[in-house]
Every structure is written in structure tokens, then in C-alpha cells.
């Protein structure tokens, strides 16, 4: 067992246009708050603090005005003794998945061989332009790159933009030296697409997406529209409540609401409480609300349920998990409508 200390430095000095990060981060260190008054500043720090606390280790900060901030945390680690058999067993669900390896440094460490040893199919190129043509690009499950600049080039192409990327460190070969290291990284990238969505035949939904992050918006819309659903976007909780009420007033309520928990101006918890209060006042059949959260902490689901949400899913969004949850909640709502002796349609209202 080894005690390790990590340092993350942020040398941003433009305090005339930025929020007071020093006070904000100190408050996060103190209470673990995830309120996003400053467009999400400190959310990652709060999550990190929670994880370190669970490991009974320490988090602290050193902040100098106009000079930047340093954040420290400690963990206890040990070297894994996994055997080749255990690694291959973990990789079994991803057998024959296609890995695009963008090898710009002409790798000599055997990355392709290790990909094959893990039961995956490597597709090797030396320049991203080789897969620029969507029609000629093979199906890819995960992309392996050897530099950050390659990542930026990959993201320029729409057909590659949302495929998970794993970054190798050729300047530090010990970080990616073993099949175990590569397997651990690839499993994290391959898992989001491991579950196949169970789709209700010929059923599409009108969905409200409350999400302020543009990347998350695009990913969610891409997943949902692929399966025929229509999506309206609200960039914060206040706008989501307004959109919900506007649809009810024209008798076209949303079938499902995807609600980001942490948004500026009004978060998902408060927005959900307002929506539930409005439903109760108007005697409406409840609309399924799924919390979207960057957290994976103990008690998150309970807090979401307490606020009036039906369930939660963590980001980054996993296609199968998201669609399965949507169909599950839509089915529960249909069953509830039947119990109230209503002719069910997704937008059905509860009888007065």
C-alpha cells in the first residue's frame, strides 16, 4: 500500500472577468456544494472532494489572488495483481469491438498487438484525414490516440465527434505499458455502448431536455433523434419550467423530461419541485422526470427522488441505459393512466 499526493494547478489570473474562484472554491472545499452560480465552476472539485472523503483522505487548496490556485488531494493505492485470465474475462463483453488507433508516432511498443490480445479488432491509421469521409469510414467503437492534438482533429468530424477517445502517453510509456493498463482504459470507453436499448415498437416521445452544457445537449439530441424522438432544449431550470407550462397550456405536454441537476440560475431539483407543484395544482398526470447528474455518489438517487424526480442517470450519457430508462418510465406512466381508467396516450391528463 502506498500513500500518494496529487497536485492540480490552475494559473488563471484574469480576475477582472472571472468569478471569485478563490472564495468559491474554498466554500466548495468546506461544504461540498454543487450549486452552479458560476456556470459550473467547482463542480468537478466538489465531486473529487466527495470521492476523496469516501476514501478517508484529505483535500485542500492553496490560493493566491491574481496568481492562481493549487489543489491537493491524497489517496492510498496498491498495485493490482490481476492475471491475464482475469483481464480477458473483463474484456469478454466487448469481444471483437473495433478500435481505431491513430498512430502518428509510428508506435514501436506493441499497442496493436495488445489490442488484439484483448480480443478487439484494431484499425490503424497514421492521419485522421484517412477517416474523414463518413461513407468510407468503418464502424468504430472507440478511438485510441497518441496526442491531444489528434483528439482535436478527430472532434472536427461529425461522424467521429461522439465516439469515446482513449489517450496514450508515448512520452511516458510506463503509463500504458501493460495489457492491463490498456484494458482498464478501453473498458471505461467501451462500457457506455455495452447495453443495447430495449425499444418499444413504433413509440416515439416528445422530450424536454433541460441541460446548459452544449456538448451534453448535442450528445443527448443525437442519441434521442436517432431513435425517432423529438427534443426541445431548455438551458436552465427556469426555462424548463416555462417550457413545461407552455406545452400544458396548449394541451401538448412533454412525454418525458430529462433534467440536469446542476444548472445556472435554477437547478434541476428546484425546477422539478415547481413542475410537481404545478401538476398537483392542475391535477395533471405526472410527467416522468429523469435526473441527469455528473455525480456518482452514494445518496444521489435518493436526493433526486426526494425532489420529485422518477429516477436518475449519470453523465456521460450511455445510449442503452438512457433509452431503457425512458421506456421503463413511459411504461409505468401508461400503466398508471390505465389504473385511472383513461384512454392512454403519452400526453394524457388525469381526470379532475
Protein backbone atom coordinates (compact mmCIF):
# COMPACT_ATOMS: atom_id res chain seq x y z
CA UNK A 1 0.00 0.00 0.00
CA UNK A 2 1.29 3.47 -0.90
CA UNK A 3 0.12 6.94 0.14
CA UNK A 4 0.13 9.23 -2.89
CA UNK A 5 -0.22 13.02 -3.01
CA UNK A 6 -1.53 14.74 -6.15
CA UNK A 7 -1.39 18.39 -7.19
CA UNK A 8 -3.58 20.14 -9.77
CA UNK A 9 -2.59 23.71 -10.57
CA UNK A 10 -4.77 26.41 -12.15
CA UNK A 11 -2.75 29.51 -13.01
CA UNK A 12 -5.65 31.59 -14.39
CA UNK A 13 -5.01 35.22 -13.36
CA UNK A 14 -7.76 37.16 -15.20
CA UNK A 15 -9.77 38.15 -12.13
CA UNK A 16 -11.44 41.12 -13.84
CA UNK A 17 -13.68 38.91 -15.99
CA UNK A 18 -13.87 35.72 -13.95
CA UNK A 19 -15.99 34.93 -10.86
CA UNK A 20 -14.28 34.97 -7.45
CA UNK A 21 -12.89 31.47 -7.77
CA UNK A 22 -10.82 31.75 -4.61
CA UNK A 23 -13.80 32.21 -2.28
CA UNK A 24 -15.96 29.89 -4.35
CA UNK A 25 -13.51 27.00 -4.27
CA UNK A 26 -12.81 27.48 -0.58
CA UNK A 27 -16.54 27.18 0.08
CA UNK A 28 -16.66 24.01 -2.00
CA UNK A 29 -13.76 22.54 -0.06
CA UNK A 30 -15.65 23.35 3.14
CA UNK A 31 -19.15 22.07 2.35
CA UNK A 32 -19.03 20.14 -0.93
CA UNK A 33 -21.73 22.30 -2.50
CA UNK A 34 -22.59 21.72 -6.17
CA UNK A 35 -24.60 24.91 -6.78
CA UNK A 36 -23.61 26.29 -10.16
CA UNK A 37 -23.86 30.02 -9.65
CA UNK A 38 -20.85 30.50 -11.93
CA UNK A 39 -21.70 28.24 -14.88
CA UNK A 40 -20.49 25.06 -13.20
CA UNK A 41 -17.27 26.38 -11.68
CA UNK A 42 -16.10 23.99 -8.99
CA UNK A 43 -18.45 21.12 -9.79
CA UNK A 44 -15.57 18.75 -10.54
CA UNK A 45 -13.82 19.85 -7.37
CA UNK A 46 -16.88 19.07 -5.30
CA UNK A 47 -17.19 15.59 -6.83
CA UNK A 48 -13.48 14.97 -6.29
CA UNK A 49 -13.72 16.05 -2.68
CA UNK A 50 -16.61 13.65 -2.10
CA UNK A 51 -14.65 10.75 -3.59
CA UNK A 52 -11.56 11.54 -1.52
CA UNK A 53 -13.69 11.85 1.62
CA UNK A 54 -15.13 8.38 0.98
CA UNK A 55 -11.56 7.07 0.94
CA UNK A 56 -10.94 8.89 4.25
CA UNK A 57 -8.19 11.01 2.78
CA UNK A 58 -7.61 14.77 2.53
CA UNK A 59 -8.36 17.60 0.09
CA UNK A 60 -7.02 21.14 0.46
CA UNK A 61 -6.26 24.25 -1.57
CA UNK A 62 -3.60 26.94 -1.73
CA UNK A 63 -4.92 30.08 -3.43
CA UNK A 64 -3.07 33.27 -4.31
CA UNK A 65 -5.09 36.20 -5.62
CA UNK A 66 -4.13 37.11 -9.21
CA UNK A 67 -1.65 34.22 -9.32
CA UNK A 68 -3.78 31.12 -9.40
CA UNK A 69 -4.77 28.13 -7.33
CA UNK A 70 -3.30 24.80 -6.33
CA UNK A 71 -5.49 21.90 -5.26
CA UNK A 72 -4.13 18.90 -3.40
CA UNK A 73 -5.54 15.50 -2.51
CA UNK A 74 -4.15 12.29 -1.08
CA UNK A 75 -5.15 8.68 -1.71
CA UNK A 76 -3.88 5.25 -0.75
CA UNK A 77 -3.13 2.93 -3.66
CA UNK A 78 -1.76 -0.52 -4.33
CA UNK A 79 -0.51 -2.31 -7.43
CA UNK A 80 -3.11 -4.61 -8.96
CA UNK A 81 -2.17 -8.26 -9.33
CA UNK A 82 -4.75 -9.15 -12.00
CA UNK A 83 -3.85 -12.12 -14.15
CA UNK A 84 -4.19 -12.34 -17.92
CA UNK A 85 -7.20 -14.62 -17.46
CA UNK A 86 -8.99 -12.05 -15.29
CA UNK A 87 -8.27 -9.28 -17.81
CA UNK A 88 -9.62 -11.33 -20.71
CA UNK A 89 -12.73 -12.17 -18.70
CA UNK A 90 -13.39 -8.47 -18.13
CA UNK A 91 -12.95 -7.81 -21.85
CA UNK A 92 -15.31 -10.60 -22.92
CA UNK A 93 -18.43 -8.35 -23.22
CA UNK A 94 -16.51 -6.24 -25.75
CA UNK A 95 -15.15 -9.09 -27.88
CA UNK A 96 -14.41 -8.05 -31.48
CA UNK A 97 -15.22 -4.39 -30.90
CA UNK A 98 -13.46 -2.11 -33.39
CA UNK A 99 -10.68 0.16 -32.09
CA UNK A 100 -9.40 2.96 -34.31
CA UNK A 101 -5.74 3.58 -33.45
CA UNK A 102 -4.48 6.93 -34.77
CA UNK A 103 -0.76 6.18 -34.70
CA UNK A 104 1.02 9.43 -35.57
CA UNK A 105 4.29 8.49 -33.82
CA UNK A 106 4.76 5.11 -35.54
CA UNK A 107 4.37 3.12 -32.34
CA UNK A 108 7.04 0.52 -31.54
CA UNK A 109 5.70 -0.55 -28.12
CA UNK A 110 3.25 -3.16 -29.41
CA UNK A 111 -0.05 -1.32 -28.93
CA UNK A 112 -1.69 -3.10 -31.89
CA UNK A 113 -0.62 -6.50 -30.57
CA UNK A 114 -2.07 -5.72 -27.13
CA UNK A 115 -5.37 -4.64 -28.71
CA UNK A 116 -5.52 -7.99 -30.49
CA UNK A 117 -4.57 -9.88 -27.32
CA UNK A 118 -7.58 -8.29 -25.62
CA UNK A 119 -9.91 -9.75 -28.24
CA UNK A 120 -10.50 -6.45 -30.03
CA UNK A 121 -10.15 -5.51 -33.70
CA UNK A 122 -7.56 -2.77 -34.35
CA UNK A 123 -7.92 -0.42 -37.31
CA UNK A 124 -4.68 1.55 -37.70
CA UNK A 125 -4.26 4.89 -39.46
CA UNK A 126 -1.47 7.46 -39.31
CA UNK A 127 -3.50 10.58 -40.05
CA UNK A 128 -7.08 11.49 -39.14
CA UNK A 129 -7.74 12.56 -42.73
CA UNK A 130 -7.79 8.85 -43.63
CA UNK A 131 -11.22 8.53 -41.98
CA UNK A 132 -12.54 11.96 -42.91
CA UNK A 133 -15.01 10.51 -45.39
CA UNK A 134 -18.04 9.30 -43.41
CA UNK A 135 -19.16 6.94 -46.18
CA UNK A 136 -15.81 5.15 -46.31
CA UNK A 137 -15.13 5.16 -42.56
CA UNK A 138 -15.59 1.76 -40.92
CA UNK A 139 -17.72 1.33 -37.81
CA UNK A 140 -15.66 2.39 -34.80
CA UNK A 141 -16.44 1.70 -31.12
CA UNK A 142 -13.53 3.55 -29.51
CA UNK A 143 -10.66 5.70 -30.75
CA UNK A 144 -7.10 5.40 -29.45
CA UNK A 145 -4.88 8.47 -29.98
CA UNK A 146 -1.31 9.31 -29.08
CA UNK A 147 -1.61 13.09 -28.57
CA UNK A 148 -4.11 15.78 -27.58
CA UNK A 149 -3.73 17.48 -30.96
CA UNK A 150 -5.03 14.30 -32.61
CA UNK A 151 -8.06 14.43 -30.32
CA UNK A 152 -8.83 17.96 -31.52
CA UNK A 153 -8.56 16.82 -35.14
CA UNK A 154 -10.88 13.85 -34.53
CA UNK A 155 -13.57 16.04 -32.96
CA UNK A 156 -13.78 18.18 -36.10
CA UNK A 157 -15.63 15.39 -37.90
CA UNK A 158 -19.30 14.93 -37.01
CA UNK A 159 -19.27 11.16 -37.51
CA UNK A 160 -16.38 10.79 -35.03
CA UNK A 161 -17.29 13.52 -32.56
CA UNK A 162 -19.16 11.41 -30.01
CA UNK A 163 -17.05 8.26 -30.12
CA UNK A 164 -15.11 7.75 -26.84
CA UNK A 165 -11.39 8.53 -27.05
CA UNK A 166 -8.55 6.99 -25.05
CA UNK A 167 -5.27 8.93 -24.90
CA UNK A 168 -1.97 7.05 -24.84
CA UNK A 169 1.13 8.70 -23.40
CA UNK A 170 4.04 7.82 -25.71
CA UNK A 171 6.36 10.14 -23.79
CA UNK A 172 5.57 8.15 -20.61
CA UNK A 173 5.37 4.54 -21.84
CA UNK A 174 5.18 3.13 -18.33
CA UNK A 175 1.64 4.56 -18.03
CA UNK A 176 0.39 2.38 -20.88
CA UNK A 177 2.90 -0.44 -20.82
CA UNK A 178 0.78 -3.46 -19.93
CA UNK A 179 -2.31 -5.09 -21.38
CA UNK A 180 -3.96 -4.47 -18.01
CA UNK A 181 -3.43 -0.70 -18.30
CA UNK A 182 -4.82 -0.63 -21.81
CA UNK A 183 -7.75 -2.87 -20.87
CA UNK A 184 -8.73 -0.64 -17.94
CA UNK A 185 -8.78 2.44 -20.15
CA UNK A 186 -10.65 0.74 -23.00
CA UNK A 187 -13.30 -0.80 -20.73
CA UNK A 188 -14.22 2.69 -19.47
CA UNK A 189 -14.58 3.86 -23.05
CA UNK A 190 -16.47 0.81 -24.32
CA UNK A 191 -18.93 0.47 -21.43
CA UNK A 192 -21.28 3.35 -22.46
CA UNK A 193 -22.33 1.38 -25.54
CA UNK A 194 -22.37 -2.04 -23.90
CA UNK A 195 -26.09 -2.12 -23.14
CA UNK A 196 -28.46 -2.46 -26.06
CA UNK A 197 -31.59 -0.34 -25.77
CA UNK A 198 -34.87 -2.19 -25.39
CA UNK A 199 -37.21 -0.21 -27.60
CA UNK A 200 -40.97 -0.16 -27.54
CA UNK A 201 -42.10 -0.77 -31.14
CA UNK A 202 -43.28 2.30 -33.07
CA UNK A 203 -43.32 4.50 -29.96
CA UNK A 204 -41.63 7.89 -30.08
CA UNK A 205 -41.71 10.57 -27.43
CA UNK A 206 -41.73 14.35 -27.21
CA UNK A 207 -38.88 15.09 -24.80
CA UNK A 208 -37.83 18.21 -22.91
CA UNK A 209 -34.08 18.34 -22.31
CA UNK A 210 -33.01 20.75 -19.55
CA UNK A 211 -29.23 20.99 -19.97
CA UNK A 212 -26.92 24.01 -20.15
CA UNK A 213 -23.80 22.31 -21.49
CA UNK A 214 -23.69 22.43 -25.29
CA UNK A 215 -21.67 19.22 -25.66
CA UNK A 216 -24.12 17.30 -23.46
CA UNK A 217 -27.02 18.84 -25.41
CA UNK A 218 -25.65 17.64 -28.71
CA UNK A 219 -24.91 14.16 -27.40
CA UNK A 220 -28.38 13.72 -25.92
CA UNK A 221 -30.11 15.05 -29.04
CA UNK A 222 -28.03 12.77 -31.26
CA UNK A 223 -29.00 9.71 -29.20
CA UNK A 224 -32.69 10.57 -28.98
CA UNK A 225 -33.25 11.72 -32.55
CA UNK A 226 -31.55 8.57 -33.83
CA UNK A 227 -34.49 6.62 -32.39
CA UNK A 228 -37.15 8.99 -33.71
CA UNK A 229 -37.79 11.08 -30.60
CA UNK A 230 -38.26 14.85 -30.80
CA UNK A 231 -36.31 17.08 -28.42
CA UNK A 232 -36.79 20.63 -27.15
CA UNK A 233 -33.90 22.19 -25.22
CA UNK A 234 -34.08 24.44 -22.15
CA UNK A 235 -30.75 25.86 -20.98
CA UNK A 236 -31.66 26.13 -17.29
CA UNK A 237 -34.31 25.08 -14.81
CA UNK A 238 -36.32 28.27 -15.07
CA UNK A 239 -36.66 27.92 -18.83
CA UNK A 240 -37.59 24.26 -18.39
CA UNK A 241 -40.47 25.16 -16.08
CA UNK A 242 -41.68 27.79 -18.56
CA UNK A 243 -41.48 25.32 -21.46
CA UNK A 244 -43.37 22.69 -19.46
CA UNK A 245 -46.20 25.10 -18.57
CA UNK A 246 -46.43 26.42 -22.13
CA UNK A 247 -46.92 22.91 -23.50
CA UNK A 248 -49.59 22.08 -20.94
CA UNK A 249 -51.49 25.24 -21.82
CA UNK A 250 -51.77 24.15 -25.47
CA UNK A 251 -52.62 20.56 -24.41
CA UNK A 252 -49.37 19.16 -25.82
CA UNK A 253 -47.36 18.30 -22.70
CA UNK A 254 -44.00 16.61 -22.92
CA UNK A 255 -43.86 12.84 -22.57
CA UNK A 256 -40.51 12.78 -20.77
CA UNK A 257 -38.29 15.41 -19.14
CA UNK A 258 -34.51 14.97 -18.89
CA UNK A 259 -33.39 17.33 -16.12
CA UNK A 260 -29.78 18.26 -15.46
CA UNK A 261 -29.34 18.60 -11.70
CA UNK A 262 -26.76 21.40 -11.77
CA UNK A 263 -27.60 24.39 -13.97
CA UNK A 264 -27.11 28.17 -13.63
CA UNK A 265 -29.94 30.43 -12.37
CA UNK A 266 -32.13 27.48 -11.36
CA UNK A 267 -31.01 23.89 -10.83
CA UNK A 268 -32.89 20.73 -11.70
CA UNK A 269 -34.06 20.00 -8.15
CA UNK A 270 -35.88 23.32 -7.77
CA UNK A 271 -37.29 23.11 -11.30
CA UNK A 272 -38.66 19.63 -10.60
CA UNK A 273 -40.34 20.79 -7.39
CA UNK A 274 -42.04 23.63 -9.31
CA UNK A 275 -43.19 21.25 -12.05
CA UNK A 276 -44.62 18.81 -9.50
CA UNK A 277 -46.40 21.63 -7.70
CA UNK A 278 -47.90 22.81 -11.00
CA UNK A 279 -49.03 19.27 -11.86
CA UNK A 280 -50.69 18.94 -8.48
CA UNK A 281 -52.41 22.33 -8.81
CA UNK A 282 -53.71 21.48 -12.30
CA UNK A 283 -54.40 17.85 -11.36
CA UNK A 284 -52.22 16.56 -14.18
CA UNK A 285 -50.90 13.05 -14.60
CA UNK A 286 -47.25 13.16 -13.58
CA UNK A 287 -44.65 13.56 -16.30
CA UNK A 288 -41.62 11.25 -15.95
CA UNK A 289 -38.55 13.30 -14.97
CA UNK A 290 -35.10 11.74 -15.25
CA UNK A 291 -32.26 13.47 -13.44
CA UNK A 292 -29.02 13.92 -15.36
CA UNK A 293 -26.13 14.20 -12.96
CA UNK A 294 -22.36 14.29 -13.20
CA UNK A 295 -22.23 12.68 -9.74
CA UNK A 296 -21.88 9.02 -8.99
CA UNK A 297 -22.09 9.42 -5.25
CA UNK A 298 -23.96 7.44 -2.61
CA UNK A 299 -27.34 9.02 -1.94
CA UNK A 300 -27.66 10.89 -5.24
CA UNK A 301 -30.61 8.80 -6.41
CA UNK A 302 -32.40 9.30 -3.08
CA UNK A 303 -31.95 13.09 -3.27
CA UNK A 304 -33.34 13.12 -6.81
CA UNK A 305 -36.36 11.05 -5.77
CA UNK A 306 -36.96 13.30 -2.79
CA UNK A 307 -37.10 16.32 -5.11
CA UNK A 308 -39.82 14.61 -7.16
CA UNK A 309 -37.79 13.03 -9.93
CA UNK A 310 -38.58 9.48 -11.01
CA UNK A 311 -35.03 8.21 -11.48
CA UNK A 312 -31.55 9.40 -12.37
CA UNK A 313 -28.76 8.61 -14.80
CA UNK A 314 -25.14 9.71 -14.63
CA UNK A 315 -23.21 11.52 -17.32
CA UNK A 316 -21.65 10.89 -19.76
CA UNK A 317 -24.90 9.52 -21.13
CA UNK A 318 -24.99 5.87 -22.16
CA UNK A 319 -27.29 5.25 -25.09
CA UNK A 320 -28.70 1.93 -23.90
CA UNK A 321 -29.18 3.00 -20.29
CA UNK A 322 -30.90 6.26 -21.27
CA UNK A 323 -33.33 4.70 -23.74
CA UNK A 324 -34.13 1.78 -21.48
CA UNK A 325 -34.92 4.14 -18.61
CA UNK A 326 -37.12 6.33 -20.83
CA UNK A 327 -39.10 3.29 -21.98
CA UNK A 328 -39.38 1.96 -18.42
CA UNK A 329 -40.81 5.20 -17.04
CA UNK A 330 -43.09 5.71 -20.03
CA UNK A 331 -44.47 2.20 -19.42
CA UNK A 332 -45.06 2.93 -15.74
CA UNK A 333 -46.91 6.12 -16.67
CA UNK A 334 -49.05 4.23 -19.18
CA UNK A 335 -49.93 1.67 -16.52
CA UNK A 336 -50.88 4.43 -14.08
CA UNK A 337 -53.10 6.04 -16.70
CA UNK A 338 -54.86 2.70 -17.23
CA UNK A 339 -55.44 2.36 -13.50
CA UNK A 340 -57.21 5.70 -13.61
CA UNK A 341 -59.47 4.36 -16.39
CA UNK A 342 -58.04 6.69 -19.00
CA UNK A 343 -57.57 6.03 -22.67
CA UNK A 344 -53.76 6.32 -22.58
CA UNK A 345 -51.66 8.39 -24.81
CA UNK A 346 -48.29 9.76 -23.67
CA UNK A 347 -49.76 13.22 -23.10
CA UNK A 348 -52.89 12.04 -21.26
CA UNK A 349 -54.12 14.18 -18.37
CA UNK A 350 -55.56 12.91 -15.13
CA UNK A 351 -59.30 13.35 -14.79
CA UNK A 352 -60.42 16.04 -12.30
